[in-house]
């Protein structure tokens, strides 16, 4: 009898959503599905995680942080031209 393994789907505790308009622009940070902060830099994300007791050793590890709408270096809006 053959068992079918289900694919592993990562659900990181920290999600950094896409850039929002503002002065300066910011990204919303969620921890465990709850909005906890507005981050304006990578440093802000690290500080929020530390406050929540979540160590981040590698910001590029998708099992720890999921970056939505850009990566760790995306902190400004990109306007599309029609």
PDB file of N, CA and C in Angstrom:
ATOM      1  N   UNK A   1       0.835  -1.169   0.000  1.00  0.00           N
ATOM      2  CA  UNK A   1       0.000   0.000   0.000  1.00  0.00           C
ATOM      3  C   UNK A   1       0.892   1.248   0.000  1.00  0.00           C
ATOM      4  N   UNK A   2       0.585   2.158  -0.868  1.00  0.00           N
ATOM      5  CA  UNK A   2       1.388   3.369  -0.996  1.00  0.00           C
ATOM      6  C   UNK A   2       0.687   4.538  -0.324  1.00  0.00           C
ATOM      7  N   UNK A   3       1.452   5.275   0.476  1.00  0.00           N
ATOM      8  CA  UNK A   3       0.895   6.466   1.113  1.00  0.00           C
ATOM      9  C   UNK A   3       1.319   7.691   0.320  1.00  0.00           C
ATOM     10  N   UNK A   4       0.409   8.621   0.200  1.00  0.00           N
ATOM     11  CA  UNK A   4       0.716   9.854  -0.509  1.00  0.00           C
ATOM     12  C   UNK A   4       1.061  10.911   0.533  1.00  0.00           C
ATOM     13  N   UNK A   5       2.258  11.416   0.422  1.00  0.00           N
ATOM     14  CA  UNK A   5       2.694  12.447   1.370  1.00  0.00           C
ATOM     15  C   UNK A   5       2.101  13.788   0.957  1.00  0.00           C
ATOM     16  N   UNK A   6       1.576  14.511   1.919  1.00  0.00           N
ATOM     17  CA  UNK A   6       1.045  15.830   1.600  1.00  0.00           C
ATOM     18  C   UNK A   6       2.218  16.807   1.518  1.00  0.00           C
ATOM     19  N   UNK A   7       2.135  17.753   0.603  1.00  0.00           N
ATOM     20  CA  UNK A   7       3.234  18.708   0.476  1.00  0.00           C
ATOM     21  C   UNK A   7       3.313  19.596   1.714  1.00  0.00           C
ATOM     22  N   UNK A   8       4.539  19.935   2.101  1.00  0.00           N
ATOM     23  CA  UNK A   8       4.734  20.820   3.243  1.00  0.00           C
ATOM     24  C   UNK A   8       4.459  22.249   2.801  1.00  0.00           C
ATOM     25  N   UNK A   9       3.521  22.884   3.480  1.00  0.00           N
ATOM     26  CA  UNK A   9       3.209  24.271   3.172  1.00  0.00           C
ATOM     27  C   UNK A   9       3.656  25.107   4.357  1.00  0.00           C
ATOM     28  N   UNK A  10       4.560  26.009   4.101  1.00  0.00           N
ATOM     29  CA  UNK A  10       5.121  26.839   5.155  1.00  0.00           C
ATOM     30  C   UNK A  10       4.140  27.930   5.565  1.00  0.00           C
ATOM     31  N   UNK A  11       3.971  28.078   6.855  1.00  0.00           N
ATOM     32  CA  UNK A  11       3.168  29.169   7.407  1.00  0.00           C
ATOM     33  C   UNK A  11       4.045  29.913   8.409  1.00  0.00           C
ATOM     34  N   UNK A  12       4.857  30.841   7.916  1.00  0.00           N
ATOM     35  CA  UNK A  12       5.735  31.564   8.832  1.00  0.00           C
ATOM     36  C   UNK A  12       4.927  32.408   9.804  1.00  0.00           C
ATOM     37  N   UNK A  13       5.473  32.637  10.972  1.00  0.00           N
ATOM     38  CA  UNK A  13       4.774  33.439  11.984  1.00  0.00           C
ATOM     39  C   UNK A  13       4.737  34.913  11.602  1.00  0.00           C
ATOM     40  N   UNK A  14       5.727  35.356  10.810  1.00  0.00           N
ATOM     41  CA  UNK A  14       5.825  36.775  10.465  1.00  0.00           C
ATOM     42  C   UNK A  14       5.531  36.966   8.976  1.00  0.00           C
ATOM     43  N   UNK A  15       4.599  37.885   8.694  1.00  0.00           N
ATOM     44  CA  UNK A  15       4.299  38.257   7.308  1.00  0.00           C
ATOM     45  C   UNK A  15       4.501  39.764   7.190  1.00  0.00           C
ATOM     46  N   UNK A  16       5.236  40.167   6.163  1.00  0.00           N
ATOM     47  CA  UNK A  16       5.435  41.585   5.885  1.00  0.00           C
ATOM     48  C   UNK A  16       4.715  41.859   4.571  1.00  0.00           C
ATOM     49  N   UNK A  17       3.634  42.639   4.651  1.00  0.00           N
ATOM     50  CA  UNK A  17       2.787  42.881   3.489  1.00  0.00           C
ATOM     51  C   UNK A  17       3.366  43.972   2.598  1.00  0.00           C
ATOM     52  N   UNK A  18       2.746  44.157   1.433  1.00  0.00           N
ATOM     53  CA  UNK A  18       3.247  45.097   0.432  1.00  0.00           C
ATOM     54  C   UNK A  18       3.295  46.537   0.923  1.00  0.00           C
ATOM     55  N   UNK A  19       4.040  47.362   0.212  1.00  0.00           N
ATOM     56  CA  UNK A  19       4.239  48.760   0.572  1.00  0.00           C
ATOM     57  C   UNK A  19       2.914  49.520   0.457  1.00  0.00           C
ATOM     58  N   UNK A  20       2.623  50.326   1.492  1.00  0.00           N
ATOM     59  CA  UNK A  20       1.428  51.155   1.548  1.00  0.00           C
ATOM     60  C   UNK A  20       1.837  52.615   1.362  1.00  0.00           C
ATOM     61  N   UNK A  21       0.959  53.417   0.733  1.00  0.00           N
ATOM     62  CA  UNK A  21       1.299  54.822   0.561  1.00  0.00           C
ATOM     63  C   UNK A  21       1.330  55.541   1.908  1.00  0.00           C
ATOM     64  N   UNK A  22       2.256  56.405   2.057  1.00  0.00           N
ATOM     65  CA  UNK A  22       2.385  57.179   3.286  1.00  0.00           C
ATOM     66  C   UNK A  22       3.594  58.077   3.159  1.00  0.00           C
ATOM     67  N   UNK A  23       3.828  58.880   4.158  1.00  0.00           N
ATOM     68  CA  UNK A  23       4.999  59.748   4.135  1.00  0.00           C
ATOM     69  C   UNK A  23       5.765  59.546   5.442  1.00  0.00           C
ATOM     70  N   UNK A  24       6.708  58.610   5.485  1.00  0.00           N
ATOM     71  CA  UNK A  24       7.183  57.769   4.383  1.00  0.00           C
ATOM     72  C   UNK A  24       6.291  56.541   4.183  1.00  0.00           C
ATOM     73  N   UNK A  25       6.444  55.864   3.034  1.00  0.00           N
ATOM     74  CA  UNK A  25       5.702  54.622   2.798  1.00  0.00           C
ATOM     75  C   UNK A  25       6.042  53.591   3.884  1.00  0.00           C
ATOM     76  N   UNK A  26       5.140  52.649   4.100  1.00  0.00           N
ATOM     77  CA  UNK A  26       5.356  51.645   5.139  1.00  0.00           C
ATOM     78  C   UNK A  26       4.810  50.294   4.696  1.00  0.00           C
ATOM     79  N   UNK A  27       5.152  49.271   5.448  1.00  0.00           N
ATOM     80  CA  UNK A  27       4.633  47.921   5.212  1.00  0.00           C
ATOM     81  C   UNK A  27       4.015  47.415   6.510  1.00  0.00           C
ATOM     82  N   UNK A  28       2.883  46.767   6.402  1.00  0.00           N
ATOM     83  CA  UNK A  28       2.197  46.220   7.568  1.00  0.00           C
ATOM     84  C   UNK A  28       2.849  44.900   7.944  1.00  0.00           C
ATOM     85  N   UNK A  29       3.074  44.721   9.248  1.00  0.00           N
ATOM     86  CA  UNK A  29       3.668  43.489   9.760  1.00  0.00           C
ATOM     87  C   UNK A  29       2.602  42.719  10.527  1.00  0.00           C
ATOM     88  N   UNK A  30       2.447  41.442  10.170  1.00  0.00           N
ATOM     89  CA  UNK A  30       1.542  40.554  10.890  1.00  0.00           C
ATOM     90  C   UNK A  30       2.364  39.484  11.595  1.00  0.00           C
ATOM     91  N   UNK A  31       1.954  39.162  12.808  1.00  0.00           N
ATOM     92  CA  UNK A  31       2.540  38.027  13.531  1.00  0.00           C
ATOM     93  C   UNK A  31       1.397  37.122  13.927  1.00  0.00           C
ATOM     94  N   UNK A  32       1.509  35.861  13.549  1.00  0.00           N
ATOM     95  CA  UNK A  32       0.466  34.865  13.819  1.00  0.00           C
ATOM     96  C   UNK A  32      -0.902  35.346  13.344  1.00  0.00           C
ATOM     97  N   UNK A  33      -0.926  36.028  12.174  1.00  0.00           N
ATOM     98  CA  UNK A  33      -2.180  36.455  11.567  1.00  0.00           C
ATOM     99  C   UNK A  33      -2.759  37.740  12.120  1.00  0.00           C
ATOM    100  N   UNK A  34      -2.088  38.364  13.062  1.00  0.00           N
ATOM    101  CA  UNK A  34      -2.576  39.606  13.656  1.00  0.00           C
ATOM    102  C   UNK A  34      -1.696  40.781  13.216  1.00  0.00           C
ATOM    103  N   UNK A  35      -2.315  41.882  12.812  1.00  0.00           N
ATOM    104  CA  UNK A  35      -1.555  43.084  12.470  1.00  0.00           C
ATOM    105  C   UNK A  35      -0.958  43.633  13.756  1.00  0.00           C
ATOM    106  N   UNK A  36       0.365  43.817  13.760  1.00  0.00           N
ATOM    107  CA  UNK A  36       1.033  44.277  14.981  1.00  0.00           C
ATOM    108  C   UNK A  36       1.794  45.587  14.808  1.00  0.00           C
ATOM    109  N   UNK A  37       2.129  45.951  13.572  1.00  0.00           N
ATOM    110  CA  UNK A  37       2.948  47.158  13.410  1.00  0.00           C
ATOM    111  C   UNK A  37       2.968  47.627  11.968  1.00  0.00           C
ATOM    112  N   UNK A  38       3.402  48.888  11.825  1.00  0.00           N
ATOM    113  CA  UNK A  38       3.739  49.449  10.524  1.00  0.00           C
ATOM    114  C   UNK A  38       5.255  49.593  10.507  1.00  0.00           C
ATOM    115  N   UNK A  39       5.896  48.951   9.550  1.00  0.00           N
ATOM    116  CA  UNK A  39       7.358  49.004   9.453  1.00  0.00           C
ATOM    117  C   UNK A  39       7.755  49.925   8.315  1.00  0.00           C
ATOM    118  N   UNK A  40       8.777  50.717   8.569  1.00  0.00           N
ATOM    119  CA  UNK A  40       9.308  51.617   7.544  1.00  0.00           C
ATOM    120  C   UNK A  40      10.693  51.198   7.087  1.00  0.00           C
ATOM    121  N   UNK A  41      11.198  50.113   7.697  1.00  0.00           N
ATOM    122  CA  UNK A  41      12.517  49.602   7.326  1.00  0.00           C
ATOM    123  C   UNK A  41      12.655  48.165   7.826  1.00  0.00           C
ATOM    124  N   UNK A  42      13.683  47.500   7.349  1.00  0.00           N
ATOM    125  CA  UNK A  42      13.985  46.145   7.807  1.00  0.00           C
ATOM    126  C   UNK A  42      14.248  46.147   9.316  1.00  0.00           C
ATOM    127  N   UNK A  43      14.887  47.198   9.794  1.00  0.00           N
ATOM    128  CA  UNK A  43      15.172  47.309  11.223  1.00  0.00           C
ATOM    129  C   UNK A  43      13.884  47.275  12.040  1.00  0.00           C
ATOM    130  N   UNK A  44      12.830  47.936  11.538  1.00  0.00           N
ATOM    131  CA  UNK A  44      11.538  47.916  12.228  1.00  0.00           C
ATOM    132  C   UNK A  44      10.985  46.498  12.321  1.00  0.00           C
ATOM    133  N   UNK A  45      11.105  45.738  11.231  1.00  0.00           N
ATOM    134  CA  UNK A  45      10.619  44.351  11.224  1.00  0.00           C
ATOM    135  C   UNK A  45      11.368  43.529  12.278  1.00  0.00           C
ATOM    136  N   UNK A  46      12.671  43.686  12.325  1.00  0.00           N
ATOM    137  CA  UNK A  46      13.475  42.945  13.303  1.00  0.00           C
ATOM    138  C   UNK A  46      13.100  43.330  14.732  1.00  0.00           C
ATOM    139  N   UNK A  47      12.840  44.619  14.971  1.00  0.00           N
ATOM    140  CA  UNK A  47      12.470  45.088  16.306  1.00  0.00           C
ATOM    141  C   UNK A  47      11.116  44.524  16.729  1.00  0.00           C
ATOM    142  N   UNK A  48      10.151  44.506  15.812  1.00  0.00           N
ATOM    143  CA  UNK A  48       8.821  43.969  16.112  1.00  0.00           C
ATOM    144  C   UNK A  48       8.921  42.478  16.437  1.00  0.00           C
ATOM    145  N   UNK A  49       9.713  41.745  15.653  1.00  0.00           N
ATOM    146  CA  UNK A  49       9.897  40.318  15.905  1.00  0.00           C
ATOM    147  C   UNK A  49      10.537  40.086  17.269  1.00  0.00           C
ATOM    148  N   UNK A  50      11.542  40.886  17.599  1.00  0.00           N
ATOM    149  CA  UNK A  50      12.225  40.744  18.882  1.00  0.00           C
ATOM    150  C   UNK A  50      11.261  41.014  20.035  1.00  0.00           C
ATOM    151  N   UNK A  51      10.409  42.044  19.886  1.00  0.00           N
ATOM    152  CA  UNK A  51       9.412  42.356  20.914  1.00  0.00           C
ATOM    153  C   UNK A  51       8.469  41.180  21.139  1.00  0.00           C
ATOM    154  N   UNK A  52       8.166  40.464  20.053  1.00  0.00           N
ATOM    155  CA  UNK A  52       7.263  39.315  20.143  1.00  0.00           C
ATOM    156  C   UNK A  52       7.997  38.047  20.577  1.00  0.00           C
ATOM    157  N   UNK A  53       9.307  38.144  20.773  1.00  0.00           N
ATOM    158  CA  UNK A  53      10.078  36.984  21.200  1.00  0.00           C
ATOM    159  C   UNK A  53      10.382  36.001  20.094  1.00  0.00           C
ATOM    160  N   UNK A  54      10.377  36.492  18.844  1.00  0.00           N
ATOM    161  CA  UNK A  54      10.660  35.634  17.687  1.00  0.00           C
ATOM    162  C   UNK A  54      12.038  35.982  17.141  1.00  0.00           C
ATOM    163  N   UNK A  55      13.010  35.094  17.313  1.00  0.00           N
ATOM    164  CA  UNK A  55      14.342  35.392  16.771  1.00  0.00           C
ATOM    165  C   UNK A  55      14.363  35.221  15.254  1.00  0.00           C
ATOM    166  N   UNK A  56      14.967  36.173  14.571  1.00  0.00           N
ATOM    167  CA  UNK A  56      15.151  36.070  13.119  1.00  0.00           C
ATOM    168  C   UNK A  56      16.644  35.998  12.863  1.00  0.00           C
ATOM    169  N   UNK A  57      17.093  34.834  12.417  1.00  0.00           N
ATOM    170  CA  UNK A  57      18.509  34.657  12.110  1.00  0.00           C
ATOM    171  C   UNK A  57      18.783  34.881  10.630  1.00  0.00           C
ATOM    172  N   UNK A  58      17.734  34.710   9.799  1.00  0.00           N
ATOM    173  CA  UNK A  58      17.885  34.863   8.347  1.00  0.00           C
ATOM    174  C   UNK A  58      16.590  35.452   7.797  1.00  0.00           C
ATOM    175  N   UNK A  59      16.601  36.738   7.427  1.00  0.00           N
ATOM    176  CA  UNK A  59      15.382  37.383   6.929  1.00  0.00           C
ATOM    177  C   UNK A  59      14.938  36.843   5.580  1.00  0.00           C
ATOM    178  N   UNK A  60      15.786  36.051   4.931  1.00  0.00           N
ATOM    179  CA  UNK A  60      15.428  35.449   3.645  1.00  0.00           C
ATOM    180  C   UNK A  60      14.871  34.035   3.799  1.00  0.00           C
ATOM    181  N   UNK A  61      14.722  33.549   5.033  1.00  0.00           N
ATOM    182  CA  UNK A  61      14.200  32.200   5.272  1.00  0.00           C
ATOM    183  C   UNK A  61      12.674  32.242   5.221  1.00  0.00           C
ATOM    184  N   UNK A  62      12.048  31.654   4.178  1.00  0.00           N
ATOM    185  CA  UNK A  62      10.591  31.719   4.033  1.00  0.00           C
ATOM    186  C   UNK A  62       9.836  30.978   5.135  1.00  0.00           C
ATOM    187  N   UNK A  63      10.509  30.151   5.909  1.00  0.00           N
ATOM    188  CA  UNK A  63       9.847  29.489   7.038  1.00  0.00           C
ATOM    189  C   UNK A  63       9.752  30.423   8.243  1.00  0.00           C
ATOM    190  N   UNK A  64      10.469  31.546   8.202  1.00  0.00           N
ATOM    191  CA  UNK A  64      10.472  32.492   9.321  1.00  0.00           C
ATOM    192  C   UNK A  64       9.710  33.764   8.963  1.00  0.00           C
ATOM    193  N   UNK A  65      10.035  34.333   7.784  1.00  0.00           N
ATOM    194  CA  UNK A  65       9.410  35.585   7.337  1.00  0.00           C
ATOM    195  C   UNK A  65       8.905  35.412   5.916  1.00  0.00           C
ATOM    196  N   UNK A  66       7.669  35.815   5.669  1.00  0.00           N
ATOM    197  CA  UNK A  66       7.157  35.838   4.292  1.00  0.00           C
ATOM    198  C   UNK A  66       7.020  37.298   3.875  1.00  0.00           C
ATOM    199  N   UNK A  67       7.706  37.646   2.791  1.00  0.00           N
ATOM    200  CA  UNK A  67       7.668  38.997   2.232  1.00  0.00           C
ATOM    201  C   UNK A  67       6.651  38.999   1.104  1.00  0.00           C
ATOM    202  N   UNK A  68       5.613  39.820   1.197  1.00  0.00           N
ATOM    203  CA  UNK A  68       4.544  39.886   0.205  1.00  0.00           C
ATOM    204  C   UNK A  68       4.665  41.211  -0.544  1.00  0.00           C
ATOM    205  N   UNK A  69       4.664  41.156  -1.860  1.00  0.00           N
ATOM    206  CA  UNK A  69       4.718  42.393  -2.637  1.00  0.00           C
ATOM    207  C   UNK A  69       6.090  43.040  -2.666  1.00  0.00           C
ATOM    208  N   UNK A  70       7.114  42.243  -2.534  1.00  0.00           N
ATOM    209  CA  UNK A  70       8.475  42.755  -2.559  1.00  0.00           C
ATOM    210  C   UNK A  70       9.322  42.021  -1.534  1.00  0.00           C
ATOM    211  N   UNK A  71      10.608  42.274  -1.561  1.00  0.00           N
ATOM    212  CA  UNK A  71      11.495  41.573  -0.635  1.00  0.00           C
ATOM    213  C   UNK A  71      11.933  42.513   0.485  1.00  0.00           C
ATOM    214  N   UNK A  72      12.939  42.115   1.221  1.00  0.00           N
ATOM    215  CA  UNK A  72      13.409  42.888   2.379  1.00  0.00           C
ATOM    216  C   UNK A  72      13.939  44.276   2.003  1.00  0.00           C
ATOM    217  N   UNK A  73      14.227  44.493   0.720  1.00  0.00           N
ATOM    218  CA  UNK A  73      14.755  45.783   0.272  1.00  0.00           C
ATOM    219  C   UNK A  73      13.680  46.684  -0.338  1.00  0.00           C
ATOM    220  N   UNK A  74      12.441  46.226  -0.389  1.00  0.00           N
ATOM    221  CA  UNK A  74      11.351  46.979  -1.020  1.00  0.00           C
ATOM    222  C   UNK A  74      10.631  47.825   0.025  1.00  0.00           C
ATOM    223  N   UNK A  75      10.881  49.127  -0.008  1.00  0.00           N
ATOM    224  CA  UNK A  75      10.270  50.036   0.971  1.00  0.00           C
ATOM    225  C   UNK A  75       9.654  51.267   0.326  1.00  0.00           C
ATOM    226  N   UNK A  76       9.573  51.298  -0.996  1.00  0.00           N
ATOM    227  CA  UNK A  76       8.936  52.413  -1.691  1.00  0.00           C
ATOM    228  C   UNK A  76       7.915  51.870  -2.672  1.00  0.00           C
ATOM    229  N   UNK A  77       6.935  52.702  -2.991  1.00  0.00           N
ATOM    230  CA  UNK A  77       5.908  52.324  -3.971  1.00  0.00           C
ATOM    231  C   UNK A  77       6.494  52.413  -5.364  1.00  0.00           C
ATOM    232  N   UNK A  78       6.100  51.490  -6.213  1.00  0.00           N
ATOM    233  CA  UNK A  78       6.504  51.529  -7.623  1.00  0.00           C
ATOM    234  C   UNK A  78       5.253  51.805  -8.434  1.00  0.00           C
ATOM    235  N   UNK A  79       5.223  52.961  -9.066  1.00  0.00           N
ATOM    236  CA  UNK A  79       4.055  53.337  -9.843  1.00  0.00           C
ATOM    237  C   UNK A  79       4.115  52.722 -11.227  1.00  0.00           C
ATOM    238  N   UNK A  80       2.986  52.215 -11.666  1.00  0.00           N
ATOM    239  CA  UNK A  80       2.898  51.641 -13.014  1.00  0.00           C
ATOM    240  C   UNK A  80       2.302  52.687 -13.958  1.00  0.00           C
ATOM    241  N   UNK A  81       2.865  52.755 -15.124  1.00  0.00           N
ATOM    242  CA  UNK A  81       2.355  53.706 -16.114  1.00  0.00           C
ATOM    243  C   UNK A  81       1.446  52.956 -17.080  1.00  0.00           C
ATOM    244  N   UNK A  82       0.304  53.576 -17.434  1.00  0.00           N
ATOM    245  CA  UNK A  82      -0.643  52.892 -18.344  1.00  0.00           C
ATOM    246  C   UNK A  82      -0.094  52.702 -19.736  1.00  0.00           C
TER     247      UNK A  82
END
